[in-house]
Amino acid sequence: MARNALQKIEDHEKLCRIMQKQTHDKIHKLERQINRVESILLVSTGALISGMAYVIFALIIREKNFHAAIETLYFKRKDQFYDRATERNW
């Protein structure tokens, strides 16, 4: 009887060790997957921020060029107006 109880305890401990190893392996696999997702997320975030910075920079440059073009047109038209006004002796 004592032998039978001891055998049951040993079998139970063996089963617990097997289950503990399986649990540890699953946790380790999940940890690797989480690390992979983290690295993908960081790279994606970096690419997104870089892209947004490029777009903002391009818009700023475009706006400066736009303002320069508007000023050029304004002053050309202003000069044309003064040229016409002097021709008409205003």
Protein backbone atom coordinates (compact mmCIF):
# COMPACT_ATOMS: atom_id res chain seq x y z
CA MET A 1 0.00 0.00 0.00
CA ALA A 2 2.79 2.46 0.93
CA ARG A 3 4.59 1.52 -2.28
CA ASN A 4 1.49 2.29 -4.30
CA ALA A 5 1.05 5.72 -2.65
CA LEU A 6 4.75 6.53 -3.18
CA GLN A 7 4.47 5.55 -6.82
CA LYS A 8 1.42 7.83 -7.24
CA ILE A 9 3.31 10.74 -5.69
CA GLU A 10 6.33 10.18 -7.94
CA ASP A 11 4.10 9.91 -11.03
CA HIS A 12 2.34 13.10 -10.02
CA GLU A 13 5.68 14.92 -9.53
CA LYS A 14 6.88 13.63 -12.90
CA LEU A 15 3.67 14.88 -14.55
CA CYS A 16 4.08 18.26 -12.81
CA ARG A 17 7.66 18.60 -14.10
CA ILE A 18 6.55 17.76 -17.64
CA MET A 19 3.71 20.29 -17.45
CA GLN A 20 6.04 22.89 -15.92
CA LYS A 21 8.52 22.41 -18.80
CA GLN A 22 5.72 22.74 -21.36
CA THR A 23 4.48 25.90 -19.66
CA HIS A 24 8.01 27.31 -19.59
CA ASP A 25 8.45 26.52 -23.30
CA LYS A 26 5.14 28.22 -24.16
CA ILE A 27 6.09 31.28 -22.10
CA HIS A 28 9.47 31.43 -23.83
CA LYS A 29 7.80 31.18 -27.26
CA LEU A 30 5.37 33.96 -26.34
CA GLU A 31 8.27 36.09 -25.10
CA ARG A 32 10.04 35.72 -28.47
CA GLN A 33 6.84 36.60 -30.33
CA ILE A 34 6.30 39.68 -28.16
CA ASN A 35 9.89 40.80 -28.74
CA ARG A 36 9.39 40.35 -32.49
CA VAL A 37 6.17 42.37 -32.44
CA GLU A 38 7.87 45.07 -30.35
CA SER A 39 10.72 45.41 -32.83
CA ILE A 40 8.30 45.54 -35.77
CA LEU A 41 6.26 48.18 -33.96
CA LEU A 42 9.33 50.30 -33.20
CA VAL A 43 10.59 50.13 -36.78
CA SER A 44 7.13 50.97 -38.12
CA THR A 45 6.79 53.90 -35.74
CA GLY A 46 10.22 55.18 -36.74
CA ALA A 47 9.34 54.91 -40.42
CA LEU A 48 6.04 56.68 -39.84
CA ILE A 49 7.68 59.53 -37.91
CA SER A 50 10.38 59.87 -40.57
CA GLY A 51 7.76 59.98 -43.30
CA MET A 52 5.73 62.59 -41.46
CA ALA A 53 8.85 64.70 -40.89
CA TYR A 54 9.65 64.50 -44.61
CA VAL A 55 6.12 65.58 -45.56
CA ILE A 56 6.19 68.48 -43.10
CA PHE A 57 9.61 69.57 -44.37
CA ALA A 58 8.44 69.33 -47.99
CA LEU A 59 5.34 71.40 -47.20
CA ILE A 60 7.42 74.06 -45.46
CA ILE A 61 9.79 74.29 -48.44
CA ARG A 62 6.84 74.34 -50.82
CA GLU A 63 5.13 77.09 -48.81
CA LYS A 64 8.30 79.23 -48.84
CA ASN A 65 8.59 78.75 -52.60
CA PHE A 66 4.89 79.54 -52.96
CA HIS A 67 5.25 82.77 -50.99
CA ALA A 68 8.31 83.74 -53.02
CA ALA A 69 6.38 83.13 -56.25
CA ILE A 70 3.42 85.18 -54.99
CA GLU A 71 5.72 88.05 -54.02
CA THR A 72 7.39 87.93 -57.43
CA LEU A 73 4.02 88.02 -59.21
CA TYR A 74 2.81 90.82 -56.94
CA PHE A 75 5.82 93.01 -57.58
CA LYS A 76 5.75 92.31 -61.33
CA ARG A 77 2.10 93.33 -61.51
CA LYS A 78 2.80 96.35 -59.33
CA ASP A 79 5.63 97.38 -61.70
CA GLN A 80 3.36 96.81 -64.69
CA PHE A 81 0.71 98.98 -63.05
CA TYR A 82 3.24 101.78 -62.47
CA ASP A 83 4.52 101.43 -66.04
CA ARG A 84 0.97 101.78 -67.39
CA ALA A 85 0.26 104.66 -65.06
CA THR A 86 3.35 106.56 -66.23
CA GLU A 87 2.42 105.89 -69.86
CA ARG A 88 -0.98 107.45 -69.23
CA ASN A 89 0.60 110.31 -67.27
CA TRP A 90 -1.31 109.71 -64.10
